[in-house]
Amino acid sequence: MTVDLRIERAPGAISVMVAEGEPNSRTHIRLVEELSSCLALYELHPISGRLHQLRATMNHLGAPIVGDPMYPNVLSLEDTAARDLPTQLLAAQLAFRDPVDGTDISVTTRRQLALAPNLVV
């Protein structure tokens, strides 16, 4: 699916919110695997580059990212440090065209998510 949202940040806020109005973010989302009755692995492709776009989009859809200290609620530093899992969001691959020389750049990680250790990019 493709999700178009308007994402805004209030002055002084650390998190963003989904607002009414012309969309300023676009994200392609694909369900990769259902891990349990309440957990799933998604592949996210942000087309735009808004602050916290992936985290805010998934929270808006009712599927907040496991371990996220900001969505749906901002956690204190102490509560963030005490989480059982780090945020289960991984940039498995980044690809872009260098704006200076036009070279296509692609970087892939070997890191794994704790909840999806068999992820293959």
PDB file of N, CA and C in Angstrom:
ATOM      1  N   MET A   1       0.838  -1.174   0.000  1.00  0.00           N
ATOM      2  CA  MET A   1       0.000   0.000   0.000  1.00  0.00           C
ATOM      3  C   MET A   1       0.879   1.231   0.000  1.00  0.00           C
ATOM      4  N   THR A   2       0.329   2.317  -0.416  1.00  0.00           N
ATOM      5  CA  THR A   2       1.008   3.603  -0.351  1.00  0.00           C
ATOM      6  C   THR A   2       0.219   4.495   0.581  1.00  0.00           C
ATOM      7  N   VAL A   3       0.920   5.128   1.526  1.00  0.00           N
ATOM      8  CA  VAL A   3       0.269   5.982   2.516  1.00  0.00           C
ATOM      9  C   VAL A   3       0.788   7.405   2.346  1.00  0.00           C
ATOM     10  N   ASP A   4      -0.130   8.332   2.093  1.00  0.00           N
ATOM     11  CA  ASP A   4       0.179   9.749   1.983  1.00  0.00           C
ATOM     12  C   ASP A   4      -0.388  10.456   3.201  1.00  0.00           C
ATOM     13  N   LEU A   5       0.461  11.151   3.944  1.00  0.00           N
ATOM     14  CA  LEU A   5       0.035  11.847   5.153  1.00  0.00           C
ATOM     15  C   LEU A   5       0.658  13.239   5.213  1.00  0.00           C
ATOM     16  N   ARG A   6       0.027  14.113   5.966  1.00  0.00           N
ATOM     17  CA  ARG A   6       0.625  15.397   6.308  1.00  0.00           C
ATOM     18  C   ARG A   6       1.232  15.231   7.694  1.00  0.00           C
ATOM     19  N   ILE A   7       2.547  15.386   7.788  1.00  0.00           N
ATOM     20  CA  ILE A   7       3.264  15.244   9.052  1.00  0.00           C
ATOM     21  C   ILE A   7       3.797  16.604   9.456  1.00  0.00           C
ATOM     22  N   GLU A   8       3.488  17.006  10.690  1.00  0.00           N
ATOM     23  CA  GLU A   8       3.922  18.303  11.205  1.00  0.00           C
ATOM     24  C   GLU A   8       4.508  18.136  12.592  1.00  0.00           C
ATOM     25  N   ARG A   9       5.362  19.081  12.965  1.00  0.00           N
ATOM     26  CA  ARG A   9       5.908  19.118  14.319  1.00  0.00           C
ATOM     27  C   ARG A   9       5.622  20.485  14.903  1.00  0.00           C
ATOM     28  N   ALA A  10       5.003  20.484  16.078  1.00  0.00           N
ATOM     29  CA  ALA A  10       4.718  21.741  16.766  1.00  0.00           C
ATOM     30  C   ALA A  10       6.025  22.339  17.285  1.00  0.00           C
ATOM     31  N   PRO A  11       6.102  23.662  17.360  1.00  0.00           N
ATOM     32  CA  PRO A  11       7.314  24.289  17.894  1.00  0.00           C
ATOM     33  C   PRO A  11       7.660  23.744  19.284  1.00  0.00           C
ATOM     34  N   GLY A  12       8.896  23.324  19.465  1.00  0.00           N
ATOM     35  CA  GLY A  12       9.360  22.813  20.747  1.00  0.00           C
ATOM     36  C   GLY A  12       9.076  21.340  20.988  1.00  0.00           C
ATOM     37  N   ALA A  13       8.266  20.704  20.127  1.00  0.00           N
ATOM     38  CA  ALA A  13       7.931  19.285  20.303  1.00  0.00           C
ATOM     39  C   ALA A  13       9.069  18.427  19.769  1.00  0.00           C
ATOM     40  N   ILE A  14       9.227  17.229  20.364  1.00  0.00           N
ATOM     41  CA  ILE A  14      10.246  16.314  19.840  1.00  0.00           C
ATOM     42  C   ILE A  14       9.634  15.256  18.929  1.00  0.00           C
ATOM     43  N   SER A  15       8.340  15.037  19.039  1.00  0.00           N
ATOM     44  CA  SER A  15       7.671  14.089  18.150  1.00  0.00           C
ATOM     45  C   SER A  15       6.831  14.867  17.139  1.00  0.00           C
ATOM     46  N   VAL A  16       6.380  14.175  16.110  1.00  0.00           N
ATOM     47  CA  VAL A  16       5.552  14.789  15.082  1.00  0.00           C
ATOM     48  C   VAL A  16       4.128  14.268  15.214  1.00  0.00           C
ATOM     49  N   MET A  17       3.228  14.882  14.463  1.00  0.00           N
ATOM     50  CA  MET A  17       1.842  14.437  14.472  1.00  0.00           C
ATOM     51  C   MET A  17       1.323  14.416  13.047  1.00  0.00           C
ATOM     52  N   VAL A  18       0.325  13.579  12.833  1.00  0.00           N
ATOM     53  CA  VAL A  18      -0.364  13.543  11.550  1.00  0.00           C
ATOM     54  C   VAL A  18      -1.458  14.602  11.620  1.00  0.00           C
ATOM     55  N   ALA A  19      -1.492  15.476  10.615  1.00  0.00           N
ATOM     56  CA  ALA A  19      -2.426  16.603  10.614  1.00  0.00           C
ATOM     57  C   ALA A  19      -3.291  16.568   9.357  1.00  0.00           C
ATOM     58  N   GLU A  20      -4.352  17.341   9.396  1.00  0.00           N
ATOM     59  CA  GLU A  20      -5.207  17.515   8.221  1.00  0.00           C
ATOM     60  C   GLU A  20      -4.470  18.392   7.219  1.00  0.00           C
ATOM     61  N   GLY A  21      -4.802  18.223   5.955  1.00  0.00           N
ATOM     62  CA  GLY A  21      -4.233  19.092   4.935  1.00  0.00           C
ATOM     63  C   GLY A  21      -3.505  18.312   3.864  1.00  0.00           C
ATOM     64  N   GLU A  22      -2.909  19.058   2.960  1.00  0.00           N
ATOM     65  CA  GLU A  22      -2.184  18.481   1.828  1.00  0.00           C
ATOM     66  C   GLU A  22      -1.073  17.563   2.309  1.00  0.00           C
ATOM     67  N   PRO A  23      -1.025  16.308   1.850  1.00  0.00           N
ATOM     68  CA  PRO A  23       0.044  15.397   2.284  1.00  0.00           C
ATOM     69  C   PRO A  23       1.426  15.940   1.924  1.00  0.00           C
ATOM     70  N   ASN A  24       2.375  15.721   2.838  1.00  0.00           N
ATOM     71  CA  ASN A  24       3.765  16.108   2.586  1.00  0.00           C
ATOM     72  C   ASN A  24       4.703  14.913   2.780  1.00  0.00           C
ATOM     73  N   SER A  25       4.106  13.731   2.960  1.00  0.00           N
ATOM     74  CA  SER A  25       4.921  12.515   3.080  1.00  0.00           C
ATOM     75  C   SER A  25       4.240  11.381   2.325  1.00  0.00           C
ATOM     76  N   ARG A  26       5.070  10.519   1.775  1.00  0.00           N
ATOM     77  CA  ARG A  26       4.569   9.331   1.073  1.00  0.00           C
ATOM     78  C   ARG A  26       5.451   8.164   1.460  1.00  0.00           C
ATOM     79  N   THR A  27       4.803   7.048   1.838  1.00  0.00           N
ATOM     80  CA  THR A  27       5.522   5.843   2.237  1.00  0.00           C
ATOM     81  C   THR A  27       4.880   4.635   1.571  1.00  0.00           C
ATOM     82  N   HIS A  28       5.704   3.820   0.919  1.00  0.00           N
ATOM     83  CA  HIS A  28       5.244   2.526   0.406  1.00  0.00           C
ATOM     84  C   HIS A  28       5.468   1.505   1.523  1.00  0.00           C
ATOM     85  N   ILE A  29       4.441   0.695   1.798  1.00  0.00           N
ATOM     86  CA  ILE A  29       4.489  -0.283   2.889  1.00  0.00           C
ATOM     87  C   ILE A  29       4.102  -1.655   2.339  1.00  0.00           C
ATOM     88  N   ARG A  30       4.906  -2.659   2.705  1.00  0.00           N
ATOM     89  CA  ARG A  30       4.610  -4.037   2.292  1.00  0.00           C
ATOM     90  C   ARG A  30       4.710  -4.942   3.508  1.00  0.00           C
ATOM     91  N   LEU A  31       3.659  -5.732   3.735  1.00  0.00           N
ATOM     92  CA  LEU A  31       3.695  -6.740   4.792  1.00  0.00           C
ATOM     93  C   LEU A  31       4.611  -7.866   4.331  1.00  0.00           C
ATOM     94  N   VAL A  32       5.670  -8.124   5.104  1.00  0.00           N
ATOM     95  CA  VAL A  32       6.621  -9.180   4.761  1.00  0.00           C
ATOM     96  C   VAL A  32       6.211 -10.486   5.403  1.00  0.00           C
ATOM     97  N   GLU A  33       5.886 -10.417   6.707  1.00  0.00           N
ATOM     98  CA  GLU A  33       5.568 -11.646   7.436  1.00  0.00           C
ATOM     99  C   GLU A  33       4.814 -11.311   8.717  1.00  0.00           C
ATOM    100  N   GLU A  34       3.787 -12.096   9.031  1.00  0.00           N
ATOM    101  CA  GLU A  34       3.129 -11.993  10.336  1.00  0.00           C
ATOM    102  C   GLU A  34       3.916 -12.859  11.296  1.00  0.00           C
ATOM    103  N   LEU A  35       4.447 -12.242  12.351  1.00  0.00           N
ATOM    104  CA  LEU A  35       5.287 -12.952  13.314  1.00  0.00           C
ATOM    105  C   LEU A  35       4.457 -13.591  14.420  1.00  0.00           C
ATOM    106  N   SER A  36       3.317 -12.990  14.735  1.00  0.00           N
ATOM    107  CA  SER A  36       2.385 -13.521  15.740  1.00  0.00           C
ATOM    108  C   SER A  36       1.051 -12.833  15.501  1.00  0.00           C
ATOM    109  N   SER A  37       0.097 -13.061  16.408  1.00  0.00           N
ATOM    110  CA  SER A  37      -1.219 -12.436  16.224  1.00  0.00           C
ATOM    111  C   SER A  37      -1.168 -10.921  16.394  1.00  0.00           C
ATOM    112  N   CYS A  38      -0.120 -10.402  17.021  1.00  0.00           N
ATOM    113  CA  CYS A  38      -0.040  -8.951  17.240  1.00  0.00           C
ATOM    114  C   CYS A  38       1.265  -8.332  16.741  1.00  0.00           C
ATOM    115  N   LEU A  39       2.102  -9.099  16.063  1.00  0.00           N
ATOM    116  CA  LEU A  39       3.363  -8.572  15.529  1.00  0.00           C
ATOM    117  C   LEU A  39       3.523  -8.943  14.065  1.00  0.00           C
ATOM    118  N   ALA A  40       4.062  -8.008  13.302  1.00  0.00           N
ATOM    119  CA  ALA A  40       4.319  -8.277  11.886  1.00  0.00           C
ATOM    120  C   ALA A  40       5.587  -7.546  11.465  1.00  0.00           C
ATOM    121  N   LEU A  41       6.192  -8.061  10.430  1.00  0.00           N
ATOM    122  CA  LEU A  41       7.377  -7.452   9.847  1.00  0.00           C
ATOM    123  C   LEU A  41       6.947  -6.747   8.565  1.00  0.00           C
ATOM    124  N   TYR A  42       7.286  -5.464   8.455  1.00  0.00           N
ATOM    125  CA  TYR A  42       6.928  -4.669   7.295  1.00  0.00           C
ATOM    126  C   TYR A  42       8.186  -4.157   6.607  1.00  0.00           C
ATOM    127  N   GLU A  43       8.100  -4.012   5.317  1.00  0.00           N
ATOM    128  CA  GLU A  43       9.135  -3.342   4.535  1.00  0.00           C
ATOM    129  C   GLU A  43       8.592  -1.956   4.214  1.00  0.00           C
ATOM    130  N   LEU A  44       9.348  -0.932   4.580  1.00  0.00           N
ATOM    131  CA  LEU A  44       8.914   0.450   4.395  1.00  0.00           C
ATOM    132  C   LEU A  44       9.849   1.159   3.433  1.00  0.00           C
ATOM    133  N   HIS A  45       9.273   1.854   2.485  1.00  0.00           N
ATOM    134  CA  HIS A  45      10.047   2.643   1.522  1.00  0.00           C
ATOM    135  C   HIS A  45       9.554   4.082   1.594  1.00  0.00           C
ATOM    136  N   PRO A  46      10.285   4.953   2.297  1.00  0.00           N
ATOM    137  CA  PRO A  46       9.871   6.362   2.320  1.00  0.00           C
ATOM    138  C   PRO A  46      10.208   7.020   0.979  1.00  0.00           C
ATOM    139  N   ILE A  47       9.236   7.645   0.372  1.00  0.00           N
ATOM    140  CA  ILE A  47       9.456   8.361  -0.883  1.00  0.00           C
ATOM    141  C   ILE A  47       9.882   9.791  -0.572  1.00  0.00           C
ATOM    142  N   SER A  48       9.287  10.367   0.439  1.00  0.00           N
ATOM    143  CA  SER A  48       9.704  11.685   0.923  1.00  0.00           C
ATOM    144  C   SER A  48      10.601  11.462   2.136  1.00  0.00           C
ATOM    145  N   GLY A  49      11.116  12.496   2.689  1.00  0.00           N
ATOM    146  CA  GLY A  49      12.049  12.346   3.807  1.00  0.00           C
ATOM    147  C   GLY A  49      11.679  13.220   4.994  1.00  0.00           C
ATOM    148  N   ARG A  50      10.488  13.042   5.517  1.00  0.00           N
ATOM    149  CA  ARG A  50      10.035  13.853   6.648  1.00  0.00           C
ATOM    150  C   ARG A  50      10.596  13.303   7.956  1.00  0.00           C
ATOM    151  N   LEU A  51      10.787  14.186   8.921  1.00  0.00           N
ATOM    152  CA  LEU A  51      11.250  13.806  10.253  1.00  0.00           C
ATOM    153  C   LEU A  51      10.303  12.768  10.857  1.00  0.00           C
ATOM    154  N   HIS A  52      10.831  11.662  11.308  1.00  0.00           N
ATOM    155  CA  HIS A  52      10.087  10.579  11.964  1.00  0.00           C
ATOM    156  C   HIS A  52       8.987   9.999  11.075  1.00  0.00           C
ATOM    157  N   GLN A  53       9.134  10.139   9.774  1.00  0.00           N
ATOM    158  CA  GLN A  53       8.085   9.717   8.841  1.00  0.00           C
ATOM    159  C   GLN A  53       7.653   8.274   9.024  1.00  0.00           C
ATOM    160  N   LEU A  54       8.582   7.340   9.087  1.00  0.00           N
ATOM    161  CA  LEU A  54       8.214   5.924   9.193  1.00  0.00           C
ATOM    162  C   LEU A  54       7.557   5.626  10.530  1.00  0.00           C
ATOM    163  N   ARG A  55       8.122   6.152  11.592  1.00  0.00           N
ATOM    164  CA  ARG A  55       7.596   5.899  12.938  1.00  0.00           C
ATOM    165  C   ARG A  55       6.193   6.488  13.091  1.00  0.00           C
ATOM    166  N   ALA A  56       5.994   7.720  12.632  1.00  0.00           N
ATOM    167  CA  ALA A  56       4.687   8.370  12.739  1.00  0.00           C
ATOM    168  C   ALA A  56       3.648   7.694  11.843  1.00  0.00           C
ATOM    169  N   THR A  57       4.065   7.268  10.664  1.00  0.00           N
ATOM    170  CA  THR A  57       3.133   6.606   9.741  1.00  0.00           C
ATOM    171  C   THR A  57       2.646   5.279  10.321  1.00  0.00           C
ATOM    172  N   MET A  58       3.569   4.457  10.801  1.00  0.00           N
ATOM    173  CA  MET A  58       3.166   3.162  11.353  1.00  0.00           C
ATOM    174  C   MET A  58       2.296   3.345  12.592  1.00  0.00           C
ATOM    175  N   ASN A  59       2.621   4.314  13.435  1.00  0.00           N
ATOM    176  CA  ASN A  59       1.791   4.590  14.607  1.00  0.00           C
ATOM    177  C   ASN A  59       0.390   5.028  14.176  1.00  0.00           C
ATOM    178  N   HIS A  60       0.317   5.887  13.176  1.00  0.00           N
ATOM    179  CA  HIS A  60      -0.974   6.365  12.669  1.00  0.00           C
ATOM    180  C   HIS A  60      -1.829   5.208  12.150  1.00  0.00           C
ATOM    181  N   LEU A  61      -1.174   4.199  11.569  1.00  0.00           N
ATOM    182  CA  LEU A  61      -1.900   3.040  11.032  1.00  0.00           C
ATOM    183  C   LEU A  61      -2.283   2.029  12.114  1.00  0.00           C
ATOM    184  N   GLY A  62      -1.893   2.295  13.363  1.00  0.00           N
ATOM    185  CA  GLY A  62      -2.221   1.381  14.452  1.00  0.00           C
ATOM    186  C   GLY A  62      -1.230   0.252  14.608  1.00  0.00           C
ATOM    187  N   ALA A  63      -0.058   0.395  14.020  1.00  0.00           N
ATOM    188  CA  ALA A  63       0.991  -0.621  14.105  1.00  0.00           C
ATOM    189  C   ALA A  63       2.308   0.043  14.515  1.00  0.00           C
ATOM    190  N   PRO A  64       2.341   0.627  15.735  1.00  0.00           N
ATOM    191  CA  PRO A  64       3.572   1.311  16.153  1.00  0.00           C
ATOM    192  C   PRO A  64       4.753   0.349  16.182  1.00  0.00           C
ATOM    193  N   ILE A  65       5.938   0.881  15.953  1.00  0.00           N
ATOM    194  CA  ILE A  65       7.154   0.082  15.902  1.00  0.00           C
ATOM    195  C   ILE A  65       7.533  -0.347  17.313  1.00  0.00           C
ATOM    196  N   VAL A  66       7.776  -1.637  17.495  1.00  0.00           N
ATOM    197  CA  VAL A  66       8.127  -2.190  18.808  1.00  0.00           C
ATOM    198  C   VAL A  66       9.360  -1.480  19.352  1.00  0.00           C
ATOM    199  N   GLY A  67       9.285  -1.085  20.612  1.00  0.00           N
ATOM    200  CA  GLY A  67      10.415  -0.466  21.295  1.00  0.00           C
ATOM    201  C   GLY A  67      10.599   1.007  21.022  1.00  0.00           C
ATOM    202  N   ASP A  68       9.723   1.616  20.238  1.00  0.00           N
ATOM    203  CA  ASP A  68       9.868   3.033  19.899  1.00  0.00           C
ATOM    204  C   ASP A  68       9.610   3.894  21.133  1.00  0.00           C
ATOM    205  N   PRO A  69      10.596   4.704  21.550  1.00  0.00           N
ATOM    206  CA  PRO A  69      10.426   5.517  22.753  1.00  0.00           C
ATOM    207  C   PRO A  69       9.643   6.807  22.519  1.00  0.00           C
ATOM    208  N   MET A  70       9.151   7.049  21.295  1.00  0.00           N
ATOM    209  CA  MET A  70       8.439   8.299  21.014  1.00  0.00           C
ATOM    210  C   MET A  70       7.026   8.119  20.492  1.00  0.00           C
ATOM    211  N   TYR A  71       6.713   6.973  19.948  1.00  0.00           N
ATOM    212  CA  TYR A  71       5.387   6.746  19.362  1.00  0.00           C
ATOM    213  C   TYR A  71       4.866   5.411  19.840  1.00  0.00           C
ATOM    214  N   PRO A  72       3.717   5.306  20.432  1.00  0.00           N
ATOM    215  CA  PRO A  72       2.706   6.348  20.491  1.00  0.00           C
ATOM    216  C   PRO A  72       2.908   7.369  21.605  1.00  0.00           C
ATOM    217  N   ASN A  73       3.743   7.086  22.600  1.00  0.00           N
ATOM    218  CA  ASN A  73       3.967   8.024  23.702  1.00  0.00           C
ATOM    219  C   ASN A  73       5.452   8.295  23.867  1.00  0.00           C
ATOM    220  N   VAL A  74       5.782   9.534  24.196  1.00  0.00           N
ATOM    221  CA  VAL A  74       7.174   9.890  24.446  1.00  0.00           C
ATOM    222  C   VAL A  74       7.556   9.360  25.825  1.00  0.00           C
ATOM    223  N   LEU A  75       8.592   8.524  25.875  1.00  0.00           N
ATOM    224  CA  LEU A  75       9.067   7.970  27.139  1.00  0.00           C
ATOM    225  C   LEU A  75      10.142   8.872  27.742  1.00  0.00           C
ATOM    226  N   SER A  76      10.266   8.800  29.058  1.00  0.00           N
ATOM    227  CA  SER A  76      11.352   9.514  29.726  1.00  0.00           C
ATOM    228  C   SER A  76      12.676   8.847  29.362  1.00  0.00           C
ATOM    229  N   LEU A  77      13.780   9.515  29.614  1.00  0.00           N
ATOM    230  CA  LEU A  77      15.088   8.918  29.364  1.00  0.00           C
ATOM    231  C   LEU A  77      15.271   7.640  30.164  1.00  0.00           C
ATOM    232  N   GLU A  78      14.767   7.618  31.412  1.00  0.00           N
ATOM    233  CA  GLU A  78      14.886   6.429  32.256  1.00  0.00           C
ATOM    234  C   GLU A  78      14.085   5.263  31.677  1.00  0.00           C
ATOM    235  N   ASP A  79      12.858   5.531  31.256  1.00  0.00           N
ATOM    236  CA  ASP A  79      12.028   4.478  30.668  1.00  0.00           C
ATOM    237  C   ASP A  79      12.597   4.004  29.332  1.00  0.00           C
ATOM    238  N   THR A  80      13.176   4.927  28.576  1.00  0.00           N
ATOM    239  CA  THR A  80      13.804   4.549  27.312  1.00  0.00           C
ATOM    240  C   THR A  80      14.963   3.597  27.563  1.00  0.00           C
ATOM    241  N   ALA A  81      15.787   3.901  28.560  1.00  0.00           N
ATOM    242  CA  ALA A  81      16.941   3.056  28.880  1.00  0.00           C
ATOM    243  C   ALA A  81      16.513   1.698  29.420  1.00  0.00           C
ATOM    244  N   ALA A  82      15.339   1.619  30.051  1.00  0.00           N
ATOM    245  CA  ALA A  82      14.881   0.381  30.679  1.00  0.00           C
ATOM    246  C   ALA A  82      14.105  -0.538  29.720  1.00  0.00           C
ATOM    247  N   ARG A  83      13.946  -0.154  28.461  1.00  0.00           N
ATOM    248  CA  ARG A  83      13.208  -0.984  27.499  1.00  0.00           C
ATOM    249  C   ARG A  83      13.880  -2.341  27.343  1.00  0.00           C
ATOM    250  N   ASP A  84      13.063  -3.371  27.102  1.00  0.00           N
ATOM    251  CA  ASP A  84      13.590  -4.713  26.861  1.00  0.00           C
ATOM    252  C   ASP A  84      14.276  -4.819  25.501  1.00  0.00           C
ATOM    253  N   LEU A  85      13.757  -4.083  24.528  1.00  0.00           N
ATOM    254  CA  LEU A  85      14.291  -4.128  23.157  1.00  0.00           C
ATOM    255  C   LEU A  85      14.579  -2.716  22.671  1.00  0.00           C
ATOM    256  N   PRO A  86      15.604  -2.560  21.856  1.00  0.00           N
ATOM    257  CA  PRO A  86      15.760  -1.273  21.184  1.00  0.00           C
ATOM    258  C   PRO A  86      14.660  -1.125  20.136  1.00  0.00           C
ATOM    259  N   THR A  87      14.501   0.048  19.619  1.00  0.00           N
ATOM    260  CA  THR A  87      13.505   0.279  18.586  1.00  0.00           C
ATOM    261  C   THR A  87      13.738  -0.699  17.430  1.00  0.00           C
ATOM    262  N   GLN A  88      12.694  -1.436  17.058  1.00  0.00           N
ATOM    263  CA  GLN A  88      12.803  -2.454  16.019  1.00  0.00           C
ATOM    264  C   GLN A  88      12.555  -1.856  14.632  1.00  0.00           C
ATOM    265  N   LEU A  89      13.407  -0.889  14.310  1.00  0.00           N
ATOM    266  CA  LEU A  89      13.402  -0.235  13.011  1.00  0.00           C
ATOM    267  C   LEU A  89      14.825  -0.298  12.489  1.00  0.00           C
ATOM    268  N   LEU A  90      14.987  -0.853  11.319  1.00  0.00           N
ATOM    269  CA  LEU A  90      16.327  -1.066  10.772  1.00  0.00           C
ATOM    270  C   LEU A  90      16.371  -0.597   9.324  1.00  0.00           C
ATOM    271  N   ALA A  91      17.309   0.273   9.029  1.00  0.00           N
ATOM    272  CA  ALA A  91      17.545   0.667   7.640  1.00  0.00           C
ATOM    273  C   ALA A  91      18.403  -0.427   7.012  1.00  0.00           C
ATOM    274  N   ALA A  92      17.759  -1.439   6.473  1.00  0.00           N
ATOM    275  CA  ALA A  92      18.469  -2.579   5.895  1.00  0.00           C
ATOM    276  C   ALA A  92      19.218  -2.173   4.637  1.00  0.00           C
ATOM    277  N   GLN A  93      18.669  -1.198   3.899  1.00  0.00           N
ATOM    278  CA  GLN A  93      19.332  -0.724   2.694  1.00  0.00           C
ATOM    279  C   GLN A  93      18.991   0.740   2.478  1.00  0.00           C
ATOM    280  N   LEU A  94      19.995   1.510   2.112  1.00  0.00           N
ATOM    281  CA  LEU A  94      19.807   2.906   1.723  1.00  0.00           C
ATOM    282  C   LEU A  94      20.342   3.052   0.305  1.00  0.00           C
ATOM    283  N   ALA A  95      19.567   3.696  -0.536  1.00  0.00           N
ATOM    284  CA  ALA A  95      20.004   3.915  -1.917  1.00  0.00           C
ATOM    285  C   ALA A  95      19.584   5.316  -2.335  1.00  0.00           C
ATOM    286  N   PHE A  96      20.490   6.015  -3.009  1.00  0.00           N
ATOM    287  CA  PHE A  96      20.197   7.367  -3.460  1.00  0.00           C
ATOM    288  C   PHE A  96      21.194   7.762  -4.547  1.00  0.00           C
ATOM    289  N   ARG A  97      20.874   8.823  -5.251  1.00  0.00           N
ATOM    290  CA  ARG A  97      21.783   9.375  -6.255  1.00  0.00           C
ATOM    291  C   ARG A  97      22.499  10.558  -5.618  1.00  0.00           C
ATOM    292  N   ASP A  98      23.830  10.544  -5.677  1.00  0.00           N
ATOM    293  CA  ASP A  98      24.630  11.628  -5.123  1.00  0.00           C
ATOM    294  C   ASP A  98      24.260  12.921  -5.845  1.00  0.00           C
ATOM    295  N   PRO A  99      23.826  13.940  -5.104  1.00  0.00           N
ATOM    296  CA  PRO A  99      23.379  15.175  -5.755  1.00  0.00           C
ATOM    297  C   PRO A  99      24.519  15.979  -6.390  1.00  0.00           C
ATOM    298  N   VAL A 100      25.758  15.696  -6.023  1.00  0.00           N
ATOM    299  CA  VAL A 100      26.891  16.442  -6.572  1.00  0.00           C
ATOM    300  C   VAL A 100      27.381  15.843  -7.885  1.00  0.00           C
ATOM    301  N   ASP A 101      27.643  14.519  -7.878  1.00  0.00           N
ATOM    302  CA  ASP A 101      28.227  13.926  -9.085  1.00  0.00           C
ATOM    303  C   ASP A 101      27.304  12.936  -9.802  1.00  0.00           C
ATOM    304  N   GLY A 102      26.097  12.710  -9.275  1.00  0.00           N
ATOM    305  CA  GLY A 102      25.133  11.834  -9.940  1.00  0.00           C
ATOM    306  C   GLY A 102      25.380  10.346  -9.787  1.00  0.00           C
ATOM    307  N   THR A 103      26.366   9.969  -8.980  1.00  0.00           N
ATOM    308  CA  THR A 103      26.671   8.552  -8.760  1.00  0.00           C
ATOM    309  C   THR A 103      25.557   7.888  -7.962  1.00  0.00           C
ATOM    310  N   ASP A 104      25.144   6.688  -8.380  1.00  0.00           N
ATOM    311  CA  ASP A 104      24.172   5.914  -7.606  1.00  0.00           C
ATOM    312  C   ASP A 104      24.893   5.271  -6.435  1.00  0.00           C
ATOM    313  N   ILE A 105      24.383   5.485  -5.233  1.00  0.00           N
ATOM    314  CA  ILE A 105      24.967   4.963  -4.006  1.00  0.00           C
ATOM    315  C   ILE A 105      23.981   3.971  -3.396  1.00  0.00           C
ATOM    316  N   SER A 106      24.458   2.817  -2.955  1.00  0.00           N
ATOM    317  CA  SER A 106      23.633   1.826  -2.278  1.00  0.00           C
ATOM    318  C   SER A 106      24.444   1.206  -1.143  1.00  0.00           C
ATOM    319  N   VAL A 107      23.866   1.195   0.038  1.00  0.00           N
ATOM    320  CA  VAL A 107      24.521   0.636   1.220  1.00  0.00           C
ATOM    321  C   VAL A 107      23.563  -0.361   1.853  1.00  0.00           C
ATOM    322  N   THR A 108      24.048  -1.545   2.165  1.00  0.00           N
ATOM    323  CA  THR A 108      23.256  -2.593   2.805  1.00  0.00           C
ATOM    324  C   THR A 108      23.933  -2.994   4.101  1.00  0.00           C
ATOM    325  N   THR A 109      23.136  -3.261   5.133  1.00  0.00           N
ATOM    326  CA  THR A 109      23.682  -3.660   6.424  1.00  0.00           C
ATOM    327  C   THR A 109      23.585  -5.167   6.624  1.00  0.00           C
ATOM    328  N   ARG A 110      24.428  -5.688   7.503  1.00  0.00           N
ATOM    329  CA  ARG A 110      24.336  -7.093   7.906  1.00  0.00           C
ATOM    330  C   ARG A 110      23.636  -7.211   9.258  1.00  0.00           C
ATOM    331  N   ARG A 111      23.273  -6.091   9.852  1.00  0.00           N
ATOM    332  CA  ARG A 111      22.589  -6.113  11.147  1.00  0.00           C
ATOM    333  C   ARG A 111      21.235  -6.781  11.008  1.00  0.00           C
ATOM    334  N   GLN A 112      20.729  -7.277  12.132  1.00  0.00           N
ATOM    335  CA  GLN A 112      19.439  -7.966  12.168  1.00  0.00           C
ATOM    336  C   GLN A 112      18.560  -7.351  13.252  1.00  0.00           C
ATOM    337  N   LEU A 113      17.274  -7.441  13.067  1.00  0.00           N
ATOM    338  CA  LEU A 113      16.326  -7.051  14.109  1.00  0.00           C
ATOM    339  C   LEU A 113      16.204  -8.191  15.105  1.00  0.00           C
ATOM    340  N   ALA A 114      16.098  -7.864  16.376  1.00  0.00           N
ATOM    341  CA  ALA A 114      15.958  -8.892  17.410  1.00  0.00           C
ATOM    342  C   ALA A 114      14.702  -9.744  17.189  1.00  0.00           C
ATOM    343  N   LEU A 115      13.632  -9.138  16.707  1.00  0.00           N
ATOM    344  CA  LEU A 115      12.374  -9.865  16.500  1.00  0.00           C
ATOM    345  C   LEU A 115      12.276 -10.534  15.131  1.00  0.00           C
ATOM    346  N   ALA A 116      13.226 -10.279  14.262  1.00  0.00           N
ATOM    347  CA  ALA A 116      13.235 -10.896  12.935  1.00  0.00           C
ATOM    348  C   ALA A 116      14.667 -11.248  12.557  1.00  0.00           C
ATOM    349  N   PRO A 117      15.267 -12.188  13.314  1.00  0.00           N
ATOM    350  CA  PRO A 117      16.694 -12.470  13.106  1.00  0.00           C
ATOM    351  C   PRO A 117      17.012 -13.132  11.764  1.00  0.00           C
ATOM    352  N   ASN A 118      16.025 -13.638  11.057  1.00  0.00           N
ATOM    353  CA  ASN A 118      16.293 -14.310   9.784  1.00  0.00           C
ATOM    354  C   ASN A 118      15.989 -13.417   8.586  1.00  0.00           C
ATOM    355  N   LEU A 119      15.882 -12.128   8.829  1.00  0.00           N
ATOM    356  CA  LEU A 119      15.609 -11.186   7.774  1.00  0.00           C
ATOM    357  C   LEU A 119      16.695 -11.246   6.710  1.00  0.00           C
ATOM    358  N   VAL A 120      16.276 -11.357   5.455  1.00  0.00           N
ATOM    359  CA  VAL A 120      17.214 -11.358   4.334  1.00  0.00           C
ATOM    360  C   VAL A 120      16.849 -10.180   3.450  1.00  0.00           C
ATOM    361  N   VAL A 121      17.822  -9.317   3.187  1.00  0.00           N
ATOM    362  CA  VAL A 121      17.570  -8.138   2.350  1.00  0.00           C
ATOM    363  C   VAL A 121      17.761  -8.505   0.905  1.00  0.00           C
TER     364      VAL A 121
END
